[in-house]
């Protein structure tokens, strides 16, 4: 199986490091998660639902051969789970999700190069192995 590297992050010179971004500039990601977004992600990590904890137990520590992160900033949003290497976001939805807001969120993440997978909480509870298998399938496809 031939594996290609995921698309590189867009980089831009850092004017703070090199004046006007000229010679000697240090490349940084073109987007940076704001301090507020990072604080929000940290808070969310500490307040995970039982369903999130269940899926996290199945995804953590490279269980699928890649690393996932919990409550990972994908500006201007925070993804429930993200595999940066494969650029896959996993979102768990309870009764409060769906509709236009989630569609706009998915579009923004897709435009930034992420594939968004959404699962209902009930689906994770009733079929955790199937959800994990589906995530693994998408990760493998994205890593080719």
N, C-alpha and C. Protein backbone atom coordinates (compact mmCIF):
# COMPACT_ATOMS: atom_id res chain seq x y z
N UNK A 1 0.85 -1.17 0.00
CA UNK A 1 0.00 0.00 0.00
C UNK A 1 0.89 1.23 0.00
N UNK A 2 0.80 2.01 -1.03
CA UNK A 2 1.58 3.24 -1.12
C UNK A 2 0.92 4.33 -0.29
N UNK A 3 1.73 5.00 0.51
CA UNK A 3 1.19 6.03 1.40
C UNK A 3 1.77 7.37 1.03
N UNK A 4 0.89 8.31 0.74
CA UNK A 4 1.34 9.67 0.45
C UNK A 4 1.22 10.50 1.70
N UNK A 5 2.05 11.50 1.79
CA UNK A 5 1.98 12.41 2.92
C UNK A 5 0.74 13.28 2.79
N UNK A 6 0.14 13.65 3.92
CA UNK A 6 -1.01 14.56 3.85
C UNK A 6 -0.55 15.92 3.35
N UNK A 7 -1.47 16.73 2.84
CA UNK A 7 -1.08 18.04 2.33
C UNK A 7 -0.41 18.85 3.45
N UNK A 8 0.66 19.56 3.11
CA UNK A 8 1.34 20.34 4.16
C UNK A 8 0.48 21.51 4.60
N UNK A 9 0.72 21.95 5.84
CA UNK A 9 0.04 23.13 6.32
C UNK A 9 0.54 24.33 5.53
N UNK A 10 -0.35 25.23 5.24
CA UNK A 10 0.06 26.46 4.60
C UNK A 10 0.93 27.23 5.57
N UNK A 11 2.00 27.80 5.10
CA UNK A 11 2.84 28.55 6.00
C UNK A 11 3.01 29.97 5.50
N UNK A 12 3.29 30.83 6.39
CA UNK A 12 3.50 32.23 6.06
C UNK A 12 4.63 32.75 6.93
N UNK A 13 5.42 33.68 6.43
CA UNK A 13 6.49 34.22 7.26
C UNK A 13 5.92 34.95 8.46
N UNK A 14 6.69 34.99 9.49
CA UNK A 14 6.25 35.65 10.71
C UNK A 14 6.82 37.05 10.78
N UNK A 15 6.01 38.07 10.52
CA UNK A 15 6.52 39.42 10.60
C UNK A 15 7.08 39.76 11.98
N UNK A 16 6.54 39.13 13.02
CA UNK A 16 7.02 39.41 14.37
C UNK A 16 8.46 38.95 14.53
N UNK A 17 8.87 37.93 13.76
CA UNK A 17 10.22 37.41 13.87
C UNK A 17 11.17 38.12 12.92
N UNK A 18 10.69 38.51 11.75
CA UNK A 18 11.58 39.06 10.73
C UNK A 18 11.09 40.40 10.21
N UNK A 19 10.66 41.25 11.06
CA UNK A 19 10.25 42.59 10.63
C UNK A 19 9.09 42.55 9.68
N UNK A 20 9.37 42.69 8.41
CA UNK A 20 8.32 42.72 7.39
C UNK A 20 8.16 41.38 6.68
N UNK A 21 8.65 40.31 7.28
CA UNK A 21 8.48 39.00 6.66
C UNK A 21 9.54 38.73 5.61
N UNK A 22 10.62 39.43 5.65
CA UNK A 22 11.69 39.26 4.66
C UNK A 22 12.62 38.14 5.03
N UNK A 23 13.87 38.27 4.66
CA UNK A 23 14.88 37.25 4.89
C UNK A 23 14.97 36.90 6.38
N UNK A 24 15.10 35.62 6.64
CA UNK A 24 15.21 35.18 8.02
C UNK A 24 13.89 34.95 8.70
N UNK A 25 12.79 35.09 7.96
CA UNK A 25 11.47 34.89 8.58
C UNK A 25 11.29 33.43 8.92
N UNK A 26 10.59 33.17 9.98
CA UNK A 26 10.29 31.81 10.40
C UNK A 26 8.90 31.46 9.90
N UNK A 27 8.78 30.28 9.25
CA UNK A 27 7.48 29.86 8.74
C UNK A 27 6.62 29.39 9.90
N UNK A 28 5.37 29.83 9.93
CA UNK A 28 4.39 29.41 10.92
C UNK A 28 3.12 29.02 10.17
N UNK A 29 2.26 28.25 10.80
CA UNK A 29 1.00 27.93 10.12
C UNK A 29 0.26 29.22 9.76
N UNK A 30 -0.39 29.22 8.59
CA UNK A 30 -1.12 30.39 8.13
C UNK A 30 -2.31 30.69 9.05
N UNK A 31 -2.80 29.68 9.76
CA UNK A 31 -3.83 29.93 10.76
C UNK A 31 -3.23 29.56 12.10
N UNK A 32 -3.64 30.23 13.09
CA UNK A 32 -3.23 29.88 14.44
C UNK A 32 -4.47 29.90 15.31
N UNK A 33 -4.56 28.90 16.13
CA UNK A 33 -5.69 28.87 17.06
C UNK A 33 -5.49 29.99 18.08
N UNK A 34 -6.51 30.77 18.27
CA UNK A 34 -6.42 31.85 19.23
C UNK A 34 -6.30 31.30 20.64
N UNK A 35 -5.81 32.11 21.53
CA UNK A 35 -5.70 31.73 22.93
C UNK A 35 -7.07 31.33 23.47
N UNK A 36 -8.10 32.05 23.07
CA UNK A 36 -9.46 31.75 23.51
C UNK A 36 -9.93 30.38 23.00
N UNK A 37 -9.61 30.07 21.74
CA UNK A 37 -10.00 28.78 21.16
C UNK A 37 -9.27 27.64 21.86
N UNK A 38 -8.00 27.83 22.14
CA UNK A 38 -7.22 26.81 22.85
C UNK A 38 -7.77 26.60 24.26
N UNK A 39 -8.09 27.69 24.94
CA UNK A 39 -8.67 27.58 26.29
C UNK A 39 -10.00 26.84 26.24
N UNK A 40 -10.80 27.10 25.22
CA UNK A 40 -12.08 26.42 25.06
C UNK A 40 -11.86 24.92 24.85
N UNK A 41 -10.88 24.57 24.02
CA UNK A 41 -10.58 23.15 23.77
C UNK A 41 -10.14 22.47 25.05
N UNK A 42 -9.31 23.12 25.83
CA UNK A 42 -8.86 22.53 27.11
C UNK A 42 -10.03 22.31 28.06
N UNK A 43 -10.93 23.28 28.12
CA UNK A 43 -12.10 23.17 28.99
C UNK A 43 -12.98 21.99 28.53
N UNK A 44 -13.18 21.88 27.23
CA UNK A 44 -14.01 20.80 26.70
C UNK A 44 -13.40 19.42 26.98
N UNK A 45 -12.06 19.33 26.92
CA UNK A 45 -11.40 18.05 27.21
C UNK A 45 -11.72 17.58 28.63
N UNK A 46 -11.85 18.51 29.54
CA UNK A 46 -12.14 18.16 30.92
C UNK A 46 -13.59 17.85 31.20
N UNK A 47 -14.46 18.17 30.25
CA UNK A 47 -15.90 18.00 30.45
C UNK A 47 -16.52 17.05 29.43
N UNK A 48 -15.81 16.01 29.04
CA UNK A 48 -16.30 15.11 28.01
C UNK A 48 -17.50 14.30 28.47
N UNK A 49 -18.36 13.96 27.54
CA UNK A 49 -19.51 13.11 27.84
C UNK A 49 -19.06 11.66 27.95
N UNK A 50 -19.92 10.82 28.47
CA UNK A 50 -19.59 9.39 28.58
C UNK A 50 -19.38 8.78 27.19
N UNK A 51 -20.14 9.23 26.22
CA UNK A 51 -20.00 8.72 24.85
C UNK A 51 -18.64 9.13 24.28
N UNK A 52 -18.23 10.38 24.51
CA UNK A 52 -16.91 10.82 24.05
C UNK A 52 -15.80 10.01 24.71
N UNK A 53 -15.95 9.75 26.00
CA UNK A 53 -14.94 8.96 26.72
C UNK A 53 -14.85 7.55 26.16
N UNK A 54 -15.99 6.99 25.81
CA UNK A 54 -16.04 5.64 25.24
C UNK A 54 -15.30 5.59 23.89
N UNK A 55 -15.61 6.54 23.01
CA UNK A 55 -14.94 6.56 21.71
C UNK A 55 -13.46 6.88 21.87
N UNK A 56 -13.14 7.79 22.79
CA UNK A 56 -11.74 8.14 23.02
C UNK A 56 -10.93 6.92 23.46
N UNK A 57 -11.51 6.08 24.30
CA UNK A 57 -10.82 4.87 24.74
C UNK A 57 -10.48 3.97 23.56
N UNK A 58 -11.32 3.98 22.53
CA UNK A 58 -11.09 3.15 21.35
C UNK A 58 -10.10 3.78 20.36
N UNK A 59 -9.96 5.11 20.40
CA UNK A 59 -9.11 5.80 19.42
C UNK A 59 -7.73 6.17 19.95
N UNK A 60 -7.59 6.29 21.25
CA UNK A 60 -6.37 6.86 21.82
C UNK A 60 -5.17 5.93 21.68
N UNK A 61 -4.02 6.52 21.87
CA UNK A 61 -2.73 5.81 21.88
C UNK A 61 -2.46 5.03 20.61
N UNK A 62 -2.85 5.60 19.47
CA UNK A 62 -2.52 4.99 18.19
C UNK A 62 -3.22 3.68 17.92
N UNK A 63 -4.39 3.46 18.52
CA UNK A 63 -5.10 2.20 18.35
C UNK A 63 -5.39 1.87 16.88
N UNK A 64 -5.54 2.88 16.05
CA UNK A 64 -5.81 2.65 14.62
C UNK A 64 -4.55 2.83 13.77
N UNK A 65 -3.41 2.95 14.42
CA UNK A 65 -2.16 3.14 13.68
C UNK A 65 -1.83 4.60 13.42
N UNK A 66 -2.69 5.49 13.85
CA UNK A 66 -2.46 6.94 13.74
C UNK A 66 -2.88 7.57 15.05
N UNK A 67 -2.43 8.78 15.27
CA UNK A 67 -2.74 9.47 16.52
C UNK A 67 -3.98 10.35 16.35
N UNK A 68 -4.90 10.23 17.27
CA UNK A 68 -6.05 11.12 17.33
C UNK A 68 -5.86 12.08 18.49
N UNK A 69 -6.44 13.24 18.37
CA UNK A 69 -6.45 14.23 19.43
C UNK A 69 -7.89 14.52 19.82
N UNK A 70 -8.10 14.78 21.11
CA UNK A 70 -9.44 15.13 21.61
C UNK A 70 -9.58 16.63 21.67
N UNK A 71 -10.76 17.12 21.32
CA UNK A 71 -11.07 18.55 21.40
C UNK A 71 -9.93 19.36 20.78
N UNK A 72 -9.68 19.10 19.53
CA UNK A 72 -8.57 19.71 18.79
C UNK A 72 -9.04 20.97 18.05
N UNK A 73 -8.37 22.10 18.26
CA UNK A 73 -8.75 23.32 17.53
C UNK A 73 -8.54 23.18 16.02
N UNK A 74 -9.59 23.43 15.28
CA UNK A 74 -9.55 23.54 13.82
C UNK A 74 -10.22 24.87 13.53
N UNK A 75 -9.44 25.96 13.62
CA UNK A 75 -10.02 27.32 13.60
C UNK A 75 -11.05 27.52 12.51
N UNK A 76 -12.15 28.14 12.85
CA UNK A 76 -12.50 28.74 14.14
C UNK A 76 -13.29 27.80 15.06
N UNK A 77 -13.18 26.49 14.85
CA UNK A 77 -13.96 25.52 15.61
C UNK A 77 -13.05 24.65 16.48
N UNK A 78 -13.67 23.84 17.31
CA UNK A 78 -12.97 22.81 18.07
C UNK A 78 -13.62 21.48 17.70
N UNK A 79 -12.83 20.59 17.12
CA UNK A 79 -13.34 19.28 16.71
C UNK A 79 -13.35 18.33 17.90
N UNK A 80 -14.36 17.46 17.97
CA UNK A 80 -14.41 16.47 19.05
C UNK A 80 -13.16 15.60 19.03
N UNK A 81 -12.83 15.07 17.86
CA UNK A 81 -11.63 14.25 17.67
C UNK A 81 -11.03 14.61 16.32
N UNK A 82 -9.70 14.59 16.24
CA UNK A 82 -9.05 14.89 14.96
C UNK A 82 -7.80 14.04 14.80
N UNK A 83 -7.63 13.52 13.61
CA UNK A 83 -6.38 12.85 13.22
C UNK A 83 -5.70 13.82 12.27
N UNK A 84 -4.68 14.50 12.77
CA UNK A 84 -4.01 15.53 11.98
C UNK A 84 -3.30 14.90 10.78
N UNK A 85 -2.70 13.74 10.98
CA UNK A 85 -1.95 13.08 9.92
C UNK A 85 -2.83 12.77 8.70
N UNK A 86 -4.04 12.28 8.94
CA UNK A 86 -4.96 11.94 7.85
C UNK A 86 -5.94 13.07 7.55
N UNK A 87 -5.93 14.12 8.38
CA UNK A 87 -6.84 15.26 8.24
C UNK A 87 -8.30 14.80 8.27
N UNK A 88 -8.60 14.02 9.31
CA UNK A 88 -9.95 13.50 9.54
C UNK A 88 -10.46 14.04 10.86
N UNK A 89 -11.66 14.58 10.85
CA UNK A 89 -12.33 15.07 12.05
C UNK A 89 -13.51 14.15 12.33
N UNK A 90 -13.68 13.78 13.59
CA UNK A 90 -14.82 12.97 14.01
C UNK A 90 -15.64 13.82 14.97
N UNK A 91 -16.91 13.98 14.66
CA UNK A 91 -17.84 14.75 15.49
C UNK A 91 -18.92 13.82 16.02
N UNK A 92 -19.20 13.93 17.31
CA UNK A 92 -20.29 13.18 17.93
C UNK A 92 -21.45 14.13 18.16
N UNK A 93 -22.62 13.71 17.76
CA UNK A 93 -23.79 14.57 17.83
C UNK A 93 -24.84 14.00 18.76
N UNK A 94 -25.26 14.83 19.69
CA UNK A 94 -26.41 14.50 20.54
C UNK A 94 -27.62 15.21 19.98
N UNK A 95 -28.63 15.39 20.78
CA UNK A 95 -29.87 16.03 20.35
C UNK A 95 -29.71 17.49 19.97
N UNK A 96 -28.66 18.16 20.46
CA UNK A 96 -28.50 19.59 20.21
C UNK A 96 -27.83 19.90 18.86
N UNK A 97 -27.42 18.89 18.13
CA UNK A 97 -26.69 19.13 16.88
C UNK A 97 -27.57 18.90 15.66
N UNK A 98 -27.00 19.24 14.52
CA UNK A 98 -27.67 19.07 13.24
C UNK A 98 -28.08 20.41 12.67
N UNK A 99 -28.50 20.41 11.45
CA UNK A 99 -29.01 21.62 10.83
C UNK A 99 -27.93 22.49 10.21
N UNK A 100 -28.29 23.75 10.02
CA UNK A 100 -27.45 24.72 9.31
C UNK A 100 -26.10 24.96 9.98
N UNK A 101 -26.08 25.04 11.30
CA UNK A 101 -24.83 25.33 12.00
C UNK A 101 -23.80 24.24 11.76
N UNK A 102 -24.22 22.98 11.86
CA UNK A 102 -23.29 21.88 11.62
C UNK A 102 -22.89 21.81 10.15
N UNK A 103 -23.81 22.11 9.25
CA UNK A 103 -23.49 22.10 7.82
C UNK A 103 -22.44 23.16 7.51
N UNK A 104 -22.58 24.33 8.09
CA UNK A 104 -21.59 25.40 7.87
C UNK A 104 -20.24 25.01 8.46
N UNK A 105 -20.26 24.40 9.61
CA UNK A 105 -19.04 23.94 10.28
C UNK A 105 -18.34 22.89 9.41
N UNK A 106 -19.10 21.92 8.89
CA UNK A 106 -18.53 20.88 8.03
C UNK A 106 -17.94 21.48 6.77
N UNK A 107 -18.63 22.44 6.16
CA UNK A 107 -18.13 23.09 4.95
C UNK A 107 -16.82 23.82 5.21
N UNK A 108 -16.74 24.52 6.33
CA UNK A 108 -15.52 25.26 6.67
C UNK A 108 -14.35 24.30 6.88
N UNK A 109 -14.59 23.21 7.57
CA UNK A 109 -13.52 22.24 7.81
C UNK A 109 -13.11 21.55 6.52
N UNK A 110 -14.08 21.22 5.66
CA UNK A 110 -13.77 20.60 4.38
C UNK A 110 -12.95 21.56 3.50
N UNK A 111 -13.29 22.83 3.53
CA UNK A 111 -12.55 23.83 2.75
C UNK A 111 -11.10 23.94 3.24
N UNK A 112 -10.87 23.62 4.51
CA UNK A 112 -9.52 23.65 5.07
C UNK A 112 -8.80 22.31 4.87
N UNK A 113 -9.43 21.36 4.16
CA UNK A 113 -8.78 20.10 3.84
C UNK A 113 -9.09 18.94 4.77
N UNK A 114 -10.06 19.10 5.66
CA UNK A 114 -10.43 18.05 6.60
C UNK A 114 -11.63 17.28 6.08
N UNK A 115 -11.66 15.97 6.30
CA UNK A 115 -12.86 15.18 6.05
C UNK A 115 -13.58 15.02 7.38
N UNK A 116 -14.84 15.38 7.41
CA UNK A 116 -15.62 15.35 8.65
C UNK A 116 -16.52 14.12 8.66
N UNK A 117 -16.42 13.36 9.73
CA UNK A 117 -17.30 12.20 9.95
C UNK A 117 -18.19 12.53 11.14
N UNK A 118 -19.49 12.33 10.98
CA UNK A 118 -20.43 12.62 12.07
C UNK A 118 -21.15 11.34 12.46
N UNK A 119 -21.26 11.14 13.77
CA UNK A 119 -21.97 9.99 14.31
C UNK A 119 -22.88 10.47 15.42
N UNK A 120 -24.09 9.91 15.48
CA UNK A 120 -24.99 10.19 16.59
C UNK A 120 -24.46 9.47 17.82
N UNK A 121 -24.67 10.07 18.98
CA UNK A 121 -24.25 9.44 20.24
C UNK A 121 -24.83 8.03 20.36
N UNK A 122 -26.08 7.87 19.99
CA UNK A 122 -26.73 6.56 20.10
C UNK A 122 -26.03 5.52 19.23
N UNK A 123 -25.52 5.94 18.09
CA UNK A 123 -24.80 5.03 17.20
C UNK A 123 -23.51 4.53 17.86
N UNK A 124 -22.81 5.43 18.54
CA UNK A 124 -21.58 5.06 19.23
C UNK A 124 -21.89 4.09 20.37
N UNK A 125 -22.95 4.37 21.12
CA UNK A 125 -23.32 3.51 22.25
C UNK A 125 -23.71 2.13 21.76
N UNK A 126 -24.52 2.06 20.71
CA UNK A 126 -25.06 0.79 20.23
C UNK A 126 -24.10 0.01 19.34
N UNK A 127 -23.16 0.70 18.69
CA UNK A 127 -22.31 0.03 17.71
C UNK A 127 -20.90 0.64 17.69
N UNK A 128 -20.25 0.67 18.83
CA UNK A 128 -18.91 1.27 18.93
C UNK A 128 -17.93 0.62 17.95
N UNK A 129 -17.93 -0.70 17.86
CA UNK A 129 -17.00 -1.38 16.95
C UNK A 129 -17.23 -0.98 15.50
N UNK A 130 -18.49 -0.83 15.10
CA UNK A 130 -18.81 -0.42 13.74
C UNK A 130 -18.36 1.01 13.46
N UNK A 131 -18.54 1.90 14.43
CA UNK A 131 -18.10 3.29 14.28
C UNK A 131 -16.58 3.34 14.14
N UNK A 132 -15.87 2.61 15.00
CA UNK A 132 -14.41 2.60 14.94
C UNK A 132 -13.93 2.01 13.61
N UNK A 133 -14.60 0.96 13.13
CA UNK A 133 -14.23 0.37 11.84
C UNK A 133 -14.44 1.37 10.70
N UNK A 134 -15.51 2.13 10.76
CA UNK A 134 -15.78 3.13 9.73
C UNK A 134 -14.71 4.24 9.76
N UNK A 135 -14.35 4.68 10.95
CA UNK A 135 -13.30 5.70 11.08
C UNK A 135 -11.98 5.15 10.54
N UNK A 136 -11.66 3.91 10.88
CA UNK A 136 -10.42 3.28 10.40
C UNK A 136 -10.40 3.21 8.88
N UNK A 137 -11.53 2.85 8.28
CA UNK A 137 -11.61 2.76 6.82
C UNK A 137 -11.31 4.11 6.17
N UNK A 138 -11.90 5.17 6.71
CA UNK A 138 -11.69 6.52 6.15
C UNK A 138 -10.24 6.96 6.34
N UNK A 139 -9.68 6.69 7.50
CA UNK A 139 -8.28 7.06 7.76
C UNK A 139 -7.36 6.37 6.75
N UNK A 140 -7.58 5.07 6.53
CA UNK A 140 -6.75 4.32 5.57
C UNK A 140 -6.88 4.93 4.17
N UNK A 141 -8.11 5.24 3.76
CA UNK A 141 -8.32 5.87 2.43
C UNK A 141 -7.59 7.20 2.32
N UNK A 142 -7.65 8.01 3.38
CA UNK A 142 -7.03 9.34 3.36
C UNK A 142 -5.50 9.25 3.39
N UNK A 143 -4.95 8.17 3.92
CA UNK A 143 -3.51 8.02 4.03
C UNK A 143 -2.88 7.49 2.76
N UNK A 144 -3.69 7.05 1.81
CA UNK A 144 -3.13 6.51 0.55
C UNK A 144 -2.53 7.59 -0.28
